């Protein structure tokens, strides 16, 4: 079975919903991993969009049917870089050791990459590149958390940018920050967009009873990683550069761009 790494960039906020009320302040939360609570895009959402309602013999062979499994397997798209508002540089792209170690573990298992050295990062630190735009007076100020800026990410950032962004690497390198796992977990919980939605009465244009609810969305600029596995080494179904996933498409949610892999990361 052949494997391919795929990276996705959110061009608009994404709502890969859970299909149920959360019972909390957020009525419609995004899908999350059970253990880490990191936001994810379920593989079923990606596969459903790529199939796009086709039920012909070819699509059944590739994507599967009730009678048989398909030739193409997709994994959940895991968060790789999370955008967080920054005092300097507008926003930062955060990642953490746990996220990168899981990516490299899976790449190595599929024969797509190699393990890399990670700089040490303390709970109150953010490791940056030498060309970082998110540093302010030796600090990285993210929402309500101030972190001590440290250098030492140039080599790793270069390798990641070549693998994921190619010619757009400056956009990535200037904003990348490696933070502690606990800091990343905190922003994965609190850094989602919360959007108030209302349903109006058609005659008076006032809010209907029970017509106010809150939705969660993964913010634009988030980067996800996923893998595709094929029994035939045919990945033609993944050639779409742009797809729309999740709910709320009519209000602009869920537009993803596939980033071409330039080299093993």
C-alpha atoms as a PDB file:
ATOM      1  CA  UNK A   1       0.000   0.000   0.000  1.00  0.00           C
ATOM      2  CA  UNK A   2       1.379   3.420  -1.014  1.00  0.00           C
ATOM      3  CA  UNK A   3       1.090   6.506   1.194  1.00  0.00           C
ATOM      4  CA  UNK A   4       0.960  10.242   0.603  1.00  0.00           C
ATOM      5  CA  UNK A   5       1.127  13.136   3.075  1.00  0.00           C
ATOM      6  CA  UNK A   6      -1.375  15.949   2.608  1.00  0.00           C
ATOM      7  CA  UNK A   7      -1.399  19.360   4.269  1.00  0.00           C
ATOM      8  CA  UNK A   8      -4.481  21.583   4.343  1.00  0.00           C
ATOM      9  CA  UNK A   9      -4.715  25.328   5.020  1.00  0.00           C
ATOM     10  CA  UNK A  10      -7.964  26.844   6.257  1.00  0.00           C
ATOM     11  CA  UNK A  11      -8.813  29.856   4.096  1.00  0.00           C
ATOM     12  CA  UNK A  12     -11.992  30.543   6.065  1.00  0.00           C
ATOM     13  CA  UNK A  13     -13.155  29.392   9.531  1.00  0.00           C
ATOM     14  CA  UNK A  14     -14.074  25.704   9.558  1.00  0.00           C
ATOM     15  CA  UNK A  15     -16.920  23.999  11.384  1.00  0.00           C
ATOM     16  CA  UNK A  16     -16.407  20.216  11.304  1.00  0.00           C
ATOM     17  CA  UNK A  17     -19.246  19.712  13.732  1.00  0.00           C
ATOM     18  CA  UNK A  18     -20.098  16.831  16.041  1.00  0.00           C
ATOM     19  CA  UNK A  19     -23.735  16.730  14.983  1.00  0.00           C
ATOM     20  CA  UNK A  20     -25.063  17.297  18.481  1.00  0.00           C
ATOM     21  CA  UNK A  21     -25.587  19.953  21.127  1.00  0.00           C
ATOM     22  CA  UNK A  22     -22.647  20.083  23.529  1.00  0.00           C
ATOM     23  CA  UNK A  23     -24.759  20.992  26.553  1.00  0.00           C
ATOM     24  CA  UNK A  24     -22.392  23.866  27.343  1.00  0.00           C
ATOM     25  CA  UNK A  25     -22.268  27.559  26.419  1.00  0.00           C
ATOM     26  CA  UNK A  26     -21.142  26.475  22.949  1.00  0.00           C
ATOM     27  CA  UNK A  27     -24.196  24.881  21.385  1.00  0.00           C
ATOM     28  CA  UNK A  28     -22.403  23.494  18.315  1.00  0.00           C
ATOM     29  CA  UNK A  29     -18.735  22.626  19.035  1.00  0.00           C
ATOM     30  CA  UNK A  30     -16.122  21.464  16.541  1.00  0.00           C
ATOM     31  CA  UNK A  31     -14.876  17.873  16.445  1.00  0.00           C
ATOM     32  CA  UNK A  32     -11.952  17.154  18.771  1.00  0.00           C
ATOM     33  CA  UNK A  33      -9.685  14.262  19.632  1.00  0.00           C
ATOM     34  CA  UNK A  34     -10.899  12.496  22.761  1.00  0.00           C
ATOM     35  CA  UNK A  35      -7.527  12.321  24.508  1.00  0.00           C
ATOM     36  CA  UNK A  36      -5.920  15.649  23.595  1.00  0.00           C
ATOM     37  CA  UNK A  37      -8.986  17.802  22.834  1.00  0.00           C
ATOM     38  CA  UNK A  38      -7.109  19.127  19.781  1.00  0.00           C
ATOM     39  CA  UNK A  39      -9.489  20.129  16.954  1.00  0.00           C
ATOM     40  CA  UNK A  40      -9.601  17.746  13.983  1.00  0.00           C
ATOM     41  CA  UNK A  41     -11.265  17.358  10.613  1.00  0.00           C
ATOM     42  CA  UNK A  42     -12.693  13.805  10.570  1.00  0.00           C
ATOM     43  CA  UNK A  43     -11.615  11.617   7.678  1.00  0.00           C
ATOM     44  CA  UNK A  44     -15.273  11.019   6.863  1.00  0.00           C
ATOM     45  CA  UNK A  45     -15.699  14.749   6.145  1.00  0.00           C
ATOM     46  CA  UNK A  46     -12.730  14.786   3.761  1.00  0.00           C
ATOM     47  CA  UNK A  47     -13.727  11.579   2.017  1.00  0.00           C
ATOM     48  CA  UNK A  48     -17.334  12.666   1.628  1.00  0.00           C
ATOM     49  CA  UNK A  49     -16.337  15.921  -0.058  1.00  0.00           C
ATOM     50  CA  UNK A  50     -13.870  14.222  -2.391  1.00  0.00           C
ATOM     51  CA  UNK A  51     -16.503  11.686  -3.374  1.00  0.00           C
ATOM     52  CA  UNK A  52     -19.011  14.509  -3.841  1.00  0.00           C
ATOM     53  CA  UNK A  53     -22.128  12.358  -3.981  1.00  0.00           C
ATOM     54  CA  UNK A  54     -20.911  10.028  -6.721  1.00  0.00           C
ATOM     55  CA  UNK A  55     -22.295   6.501  -6.634  1.00  0.00           C
ATOM     56  CA  UNK A  56     -20.944   5.099  -9.905  1.00  0.00           C
ATOM     57  CA  UNK A  57     -18.884   1.912 -10.147  1.00  0.00           C
ATOM     58  CA  UNK A  58     -15.568   3.781 -10.268  1.00  0.00           C
ATOM     59  CA  UNK A  59     -16.264   5.838  -7.139  1.00  0.00           C
ATOM     60  CA  UNK A  60     -17.466   2.749  -5.277  1.00  0.00           C
ATOM     61  CA  UNK A  61     -14.201   1.032  -6.168  1.00  0.00           C
ATOM     62  CA  UNK A  62     -12.094   3.978  -4.990  1.00  0.00           C
ATOM     63  CA  UNK A  63     -14.067   5.159  -1.966  1.00  0.00           C
ATOM     64  CA  UNK A  64     -15.866   1.974  -0.987  1.00  0.00           C
ATOM     65  CA  UNK A  65     -19.467   0.818  -0.759  1.00  0.00           C
ATOM     66  CA  UNK A  66     -21.683  -1.207   1.553  1.00  0.00           C
ATOM     67  CA  UNK A  67     -20.367  -4.382  -0.054  1.00  0.00           C
ATOM     68  CA  UNK A  68     -16.624  -3.670   0.001  1.00  0.00           C
ATOM     69  CA  UNK A  69     -13.941  -1.328   1.312  1.00  0.00           C
ATOM     70  CA  UNK A  70     -12.456   1.201  -1.088  1.00  0.00           C
ATOM     71  CA  UNK A  71      -8.951   1.359  -2.525  1.00  0.00           C
ATOM     72  CA  UNK A  72      -8.315   4.839  -1.048  1.00  0.00           C
ATOM     73  CA  UNK A  73      -7.993   5.344   2.709  1.00  0.00           C
ATOM     74  CA  UNK A  74      -7.858   8.772   4.368  1.00  0.00           C
ATOM     75  CA  UNK A  75      -6.888   9.624   7.927  1.00  0.00           C
ATOM     76  CA  UNK A  76      -8.299  12.373  10.128  1.00  0.00           C
ATOM     77  CA  UNK A  77      -6.691  15.757   9.467  1.00  0.00           C
ATOM     78  CA  UNK A  78      -4.908  16.727  12.685  1.00  0.00           C
ATOM     79  CA  UNK A  79      -4.064  20.272  13.686  1.00  0.00           C
ATOM     80  CA  UNK A  80      -0.416  21.029  12.918  1.00  0.00           C
ATOM     81  CA  UNK A  81      -0.161  24.825  13.231  1.00  0.00           C
ATOM     82  CA  UNK A  82      -2.764  26.789  15.166  1.00  0.00           C
ATOM     83  CA  UNK A  83      -3.189  30.541  14.465  1.00  0.00           C
ATOM     84  CA  UNK A  84      -3.348  32.692  17.598  1.00  0.00           C
ATOM     85  CA  UNK A  85      -3.587  36.475  17.808  1.00  0.00           C
ATOM     86  CA  UNK A  86      -0.247  38.106  18.565  1.00  0.00           C
ATOM     87  CA  UNK A  87       0.602  41.587  19.822  1.00  0.00           C
ATOM     88  CA  UNK A  88       3.370  41.751  17.193  1.00  0.00           C
ATOM     89  CA  UNK A  89       3.073  40.332  13.691  1.00  0.00           C
ATOM     90  CA  UNK A  90      -0.748  40.145  13.826  1.00  0.00           C
ATOM     91  CA  UNK A  91      -0.899  36.417  14.504  1.00  0.00           C
ATOM     92  CA  UNK A  92       1.378  33.493  15.308  1.00  0.00           C
ATOM     93  CA  UNK A  93       1.307  29.921  14.017  1.00  0.00           C
ATOM     94  CA  UNK A  94       1.767  27.717  17.074  1.00  0.00           C
ATOM     95  CA  UNK A  95       2.892  24.129  17.247  1.00  0.00           C
ATOM     96  CA  UNK A  96       4.301  21.994  20.051  1.00  0.00           C
ATOM     97  CA  UNK A  97       6.573  18.969  20.537  1.00  0.00           C
ATOM     98  CA  UNK A  98       3.658  16.533  20.899  1.00  0.00           C
ATOM     99  CA  UNK A  99       2.107  17.595  17.594  1.00  0.00           C
ATOM    100  CA  UNK A 100       5.385  17.358  15.663  1.00  0.00           C
ATOM    101  CA  UNK A 101       6.439  14.077  17.270  1.00  0.00           C
ATOM    102  CA  UNK A 102       3.139  12.466  16.291  1.00  0.00           C
ATOM    103  CA  UNK A 103       3.492  13.750  12.719  1.00  0.00           C
ATOM    104  CA  UNK A 104       7.023  12.378  12.382  1.00  0.00           C
ATOM    105  CA  UNK A 105       6.059   9.082  14.005  1.00  0.00           C
ATOM    106  CA  UNK A 106       3.319   8.572  11.414  1.00  0.00           C
ATOM    107  CA  UNK A 107       5.532   9.717   8.531  1.00  0.00           C
ATOM    108  CA  UNK A 108       8.237   7.254   9.535  1.00  0.00           C
ATOM    109  CA  UNK A 109       5.714   4.411   9.833  1.00  0.00           C
ATOM    110  CA  UNK A 110       4.548   5.148   6.277  1.00  0.00           C
ATOM    111  CA  UNK A 111       8.051   5.656   4.887  1.00  0.00           C
ATOM    112  CA  UNK A 112       7.504   9.362   4.192  1.00  0.00           C
ATOM    113  CA  UNK A 113       9.930  11.154   6.487  1.00  0.00           C
ATOM    114  CA  UNK A 114      12.454  11.078   9.271  1.00  0.00           C
ATOM    115  CA  UNK A 115      12.643  12.041  12.933  1.00  0.00           C
ATOM    116  CA  UNK A 116      14.158  15.460  13.668  1.00  0.00           C
ATOM    117  CA  UNK A 117      15.696  17.091  16.701  1.00  0.00           C
ATOM    118  CA  UNK A 118      13.438  19.448  18.623  1.00  0.00           C
ATOM    119  CA  UNK A 119      14.753  22.371  20.688  1.00  0.00           C
ATOM    120  CA  UNK A 120      13.839  22.340  24.365  1.00  0.00           C
ATOM    121  CA  UNK A 121      10.923  24.595  25.216  1.00  0.00           C
ATOM    122  CA  UNK A 122       9.833  25.527  28.721  1.00  0.00           C
ATOM    123  CA  UNK A 123       6.283  26.167  29.861  1.00  0.00           C
ATOM    124  CA  UNK A 124       6.808  29.938  29.756  1.00  0.00           C
ATOM    125  CA  UNK A 125       8.862  30.025  26.544  1.00  0.00           C
ATOM    126  CA  UNK A 126       8.286  30.287  22.803  1.00  0.00           C
ATOM    127  CA  UNK A 127      11.062  29.204  20.442  1.00  0.00           C
ATOM    128  CA  UNK A 128      11.219  31.371  17.297  1.00  0.00           C
ATOM    129  CA  UNK A 129      13.204  31.819  14.108  1.00  0.00           C
ATOM    130  CA  UNK A 130      15.798  34.590  13.717  1.00  0.00           C
ATOM    131  CA  UNK A 131      13.478  36.388  11.253  1.00  0.00           C
ATOM    132  CA  UNK A 132      10.404  36.197  13.486  1.00  0.00           C
ATOM    133  CA  UNK A 133       7.875  39.051  13.313  1.00  0.00           C
ATOM    134  CA  UNK A 134       5.935  38.043  16.419  1.00  0.00           C
ATOM    135  CA  UNK A 135       8.575  39.001  19.001  1.00  0.00           C
ATOM    136  CA  UNK A 136       8.068  42.166  21.047  1.00  0.00           C
ATOM    137  CA  UNK A 137      10.714  43.255  23.592  1.00  0.00           C
ATOM    138  CA  UNK A 138      11.988  39.694  24.077  1.00  0.00           C
ATOM    139  CA  UNK A 139       8.459  38.414  24.537  1.00  0.00           C
ATOM    140  CA  UNK A 140       5.762  36.722  22.504  1.00  0.00           C
ATOM    141  CA  UNK A 141       2.417  38.135  23.611  1.00  0.00           C
ATOM    142  CA  UNK A 142      -0.426  35.802  22.662  1.00  0.00           C
ATOM    143  CA  UNK A 143      -3.948  36.731  23.723  1.00  0.00           C
ATOM    144  CA  UNK A 144      -3.650  36.741  27.546  1.00  0.00           C
ATOM    145  CA  UNK A 145      -0.383  34.779  27.794  1.00  0.00           C
ATOM    146  CA  UNK A 146       3.106  36.333  27.675  1.00  0.00           C
ATOM    147  CA  UNK A 147       5.969  33.990  26.790  1.00  0.00           C
ATOM    148  CA  UNK A 148       9.723  34.485  26.869  1.00  0.00           C
ATOM    149  CA  UNK A 149      11.114  34.586  23.316  1.00  0.00           C
ATOM    150  CA  UNK A 150      13.953  32.164  22.553  1.00  0.00           C
ATOM    151  CA  UNK A 151      15.909  31.630  19.331  1.00  0.00           C
ATOM    152  CA  UNK A 152      16.724  28.242  17.830  1.00  0.00           C
ATOM    153  CA  UNK A 153      13.998  27.285  15.357  1.00  0.00           C
ATOM    154  CA  UNK A 154      15.670  28.214  12.038  1.00  0.00           C
ATOM    155  CA  UNK A 155      16.710  24.730  10.929  1.00  0.00           C
ATOM    156  CA  UNK A 156      13.422  23.091  11.822  1.00  0.00           C
ATOM    157  CA  UNK A 157      11.364  25.941  10.368  1.00  0.00           C
ATOM    158  CA  UNK A 158      13.271  25.728   7.075  1.00  0.00           C
ATOM    159  CA  UNK A 159      12.640  21.996   6.786  1.00  0.00           C
ATOM    160  CA  UNK A 160       8.937  22.384   7.585  1.00  0.00           C
ATOM    161  CA  UNK A 161       8.462  25.322   5.226  1.00  0.00           C
ATOM    162  CA  UNK A 162      10.099  23.494   2.334  1.00  0.00           C
ATOM    163  CA  UNK A 163       7.892  20.480   2.945  1.00  0.00           C
ATOM    164  CA  UNK A 164       4.639  22.390   3.286  1.00  0.00           C
ATOM    165  CA  UNK A 165       4.767  25.951   1.953  1.00  0.00           C
ATOM    166  CA  UNK A 166       7.431  26.030  -0.741  1.00  0.00           C
ATOM    167  CA  UNK A 167       7.587  29.533  -2.227  1.00  0.00           C
ATOM    168  CA  UNK A 168       5.393  30.933   0.571  1.00  0.00           C
ATOM    169  CA  UNK A 169       7.879  30.007   3.278  1.00  0.00           C
ATOM    170  CA  UNK A 170       8.521  33.591   4.482  1.00  0.00           C
ATOM    171  CA  UNK A 171       4.846  33.890   5.477  1.00  0.00           C
ATOM    172  CA  UNK A 172       5.280  30.754   7.593  1.00  0.00           C
ATOM    173  CA  UNK A 173       8.762  31.245   9.045  1.00  0.00           C
ATOM    174  CA  UNK A 174       8.021  34.781  10.294  1.00  0.00           C
ATOM    175  CA  UNK A 175       5.054  33.553  12.351  1.00  0.00           C
ATOM    176  CA  UNK A 176       6.103  30.088  13.529  1.00  0.00           C
ATOM    177  CA  UNK A 177       6.465  29.487  17.266  1.00  0.00           C
ATOM    178  CA  UNK A 178       7.197  26.270  19.126  1.00  0.00           C
ATOM    179  CA  UNK A 179       5.474  26.337  22.516  1.00  0.00           C
ATOM    180  CA  UNK A 180       5.068  23.936  25.417  1.00  0.00           C
ATOM    181  CA  UNK A 181       2.481  21.167  25.038  1.00  0.00           C
ATOM    182  CA  UNK A 182       0.382  22.666  27.846  1.00  0.00           C
ATOM    183  CA  UNK A 183       0.315  26.088  26.175  1.00  0.00           C
ATOM    184  CA  UNK A 184      -0.760  24.528  22.883  1.00  0.00           C
ATOM    185  CA  UNK A 185      -3.491  22.575  24.669  1.00  0.00           C
ATOM    186  CA  UNK A 186      -4.726  25.767  26.315  1.00  0.00           C
ATOM    187  CA  UNK A 187      -5.085  27.587  22.992  1.00  0.00           C
ATOM    188  CA  UNK A 188      -6.645  24.509  21.378  1.00  0.00           C
ATOM    189  CA  UNK A 189      -9.376  24.781  24.001  1.00  0.00           C
ATOM    190  CA  UNK A 190      -9.780  28.573  24.102  1.00  0.00           C
ATOM    191  CA  UNK A 191      -8.520  29.752  20.719  1.00  0.00           C
ATOM    192  CA  UNK A 192     -11.473  28.713  18.567  1.00  0.00           C
ATOM    193  CA  UNK A 193     -13.807  31.287  17.045  1.00  0.00           C
ATOM    194  CA  UNK A 194     -17.176  31.526  18.784  1.00  0.00           C
ATOM    195  CA  UNK A 195     -19.892  32.804  16.464  1.00  0.00           C
ATOM    196  CA  UNK A 196     -23.337  33.912  17.569  1.00  0.00           C
ATOM    197  CA  UNK A 197     -26.124  32.919  15.161  1.00  0.00           C
ATOM    198  CA  UNK A 198     -29.736  34.060  15.246  1.00  0.00           C
ATOM    199  CA  UNK A 199     -32.943  33.030  13.526  1.00  0.00           C
ATOM    200  CA  UNK A 200     -35.353  35.900  12.875  1.00  0.00           C
ATOM    201  CA  UNK A 201     -39.111  35.948  12.534  1.00  0.00           C
ATOM    202  CA  UNK A 202     -39.912  36.647   8.904  1.00  0.00           C
ATOM    203  CA  UNK A 203     -42.539  39.290   9.660  1.00  0.00           C
ATOM    204  CA  UNK A 204     -41.034  41.305  12.530  1.00  0.00           C
ATOM    205  CA  UNK A 205     -37.316  40.531  11.990  1.00  0.00           C
ATOM    206  CA  UNK A 206     -36.963  39.886  15.705  1.00  0.00           C
ATOM    207  CA  UNK A 207     -35.287  36.816  17.195  1.00  0.00           C
ATOM    208  CA  UNK A 208     -37.474  33.746  17.423  1.00  0.00           C
ATOM    209  CA  UNK A 209     -37.835  32.007  20.774  1.00  0.00           C
ATOM    210  CA  UNK A 210     -34.851  29.679  21.031  1.00  0.00           C
ATOM    211  CA  UNK A 211     -33.419  31.238  17.892  1.00  0.00           C
ATOM    212  CA  UNK A 212     -30.068  32.295  19.379  1.00  0.00           C
ATOM    213  CA  UNK A 213     -27.199  29.812  19.446  1.00  0.00           C
ATOM    214  CA  UNK A 214     -23.410  29.765  19.506  1.00  0.00           C
ATOM    215  CA  UNK A 215     -21.187  27.879  17.092  1.00  0.00           C
ATOM    216  CA  UNK A 216     -17.497  27.072  17.386  1.00  0.00           C
ATOM    217  CA  UNK A 217     -15.144  27.227  14.404  1.00  0.00           C
ATOM    218  CA  UNK A 218     -11.479  26.466  13.819  1.00  0.00           C
ATOM    219  CA  UNK A 219      -9.969  29.822  12.767  1.00  0.00           C
ATOM    220  CA  UNK A 220      -8.755  30.674   9.288  1.00  0.00           C
ATOM    221  CA  UNK A 221      -5.010  30.109   8.659  1.00  0.00           C
ATOM    222  CA  UNK A 222      -4.957  26.851  10.658  1.00  0.00           C
ATOM    223  CA  UNK A 223      -2.811  24.136   9.051  1.00  0.00           C
ATOM    224  CA  UNK A 224      -3.728  20.442   9.224  1.00  0.00           C
ATOM    225  CA  UNK A 225      -1.856  17.266   8.311  1.00  0.00           C
ATOM    226  CA  UNK A 226      -3.367  14.025   7.058  1.00  0.00           C
ATOM    227  CA  UNK A 227      -2.396  10.937   5.101  1.00  0.00           C
ATOM    228  CA  UNK A 228      -3.839   9.045   2.167  1.00  0.00           C
ATOM    229  CA  UNK A 229      -3.160   5.367   1.530  1.00  0.00           C
ATOM    230  CA  UNK A 230      -3.841   3.671  -1.787  1.00  0.00           C
ATOM    231  CA  UNK A 231      -3.730   0.015  -2.791  1.00  0.00           C
ATOM    232  CA  UNK A 232      -3.022   1.012  -6.402  1.00  0.00           C
ATOM    233  CA  UNK A 233      -0.759   4.073  -5.940  1.00  0.00           C
ATOM    234  CA  UNK A 234      -3.495   6.147  -7.583  1.00  0.00           C
ATOM    235  CA  UNK A 235      -4.040   9.472  -5.831  1.00  0.00           C
ATOM    236  CA  UNK A 236      -5.830  11.226  -8.691  1.00  0.00           C
ATOM    237  CA  UNK A 237      -8.890  11.815  -6.498  1.00  0.00           C
ATOM    238  CA  UNK A 238      -6.758  14.130  -4.342  1.00  0.00           C
ATOM    239  CA  UNK A 239      -5.887  16.528  -7.165  1.00  0.00           C
ATOM    240  CA  UNK A 240      -8.416  19.159  -6.092  1.00  0.00           C
ATOM    241  CA  UNK A 241      -6.634  22.261  -4.819  1.00  0.00           C
ATOM    242  CA  UNK A 242      -9.682  23.680  -3.001  1.00  0.00           C
ATOM    243  CA  UNK A 243     -12.445  21.865  -1.160  1.00  0.00           C
ATOM    244  CA  UNK A 244     -15.241  22.895   1.196  1.00  0.00           C
ATOM    245  CA  UNK A 245     -15.821  20.767   4.280  1.00  0.00           C
ATOM    246  CA  UNK A 246     -18.008  20.856   7.355  1.00  0.00           C
ATOM    247  CA  UNK A 247     -21.155  22.809   7.995  1.00  0.00           C
ATOM    248  CA  UNK A 248     -22.210  26.393   7.247  1.00  0.00           C
ATOM    249  CA  UNK A 249     -20.982  26.446   3.640  1.00  0.00           C
ATOM    250  CA  UNK A 250     -23.623  29.043   2.713  1.00  0.00           C
ATOM    251  CA  UNK A 251     -22.030  31.537   5.108  1.00  0.00           C
ATOM    252  CA  UNK A 252     -18.501  30.948   3.861  1.00  0.00           C
ATOM    253  CA  UNK A 253     -17.273  28.328   6.314  1.00  0.00           C
ATOM    254  CA  UNK A 254     -14.978  25.426   5.535  1.00  0.00           C
ATOM    255  CA  UNK A 255     -12.851  26.458   2.544  1.00  0.00           C
ATOM    256  CA  UNK A 256      -9.592  24.474   2.531  1.00  0.00           C
ATOM    257  CA  UNK A 257      -6.563  24.744   0.270  1.00  0.00           C
ATOM    258  CA  UNK A 258      -4.376  21.696  -0.319  1.00  0.00           C
ATOM    259  CA  UNK A 259      -0.711  22.557   0.084  1.00  0.00           C
ATOM    260  CA  UNK A 260       1.659  20.676  -2.216  1.00  0.00           C
ATOM    261  CA  UNK A 261       4.360  18.670  -0.466  1.00  0.00           C
ATOM    262  CA  UNK A 262       7.763  19.745  -1.805  1.00  0.00           C
ATOM    263  CA  UNK A 263      10.002  17.478   0.256  1.00  0.00           C
ATOM    264  CA  UNK A 264       9.934  15.078   3.166  1.00  0.00           C
ATOM    265  CA  UNK A 265       9.535  16.981   6.434  1.00  0.00           C
END
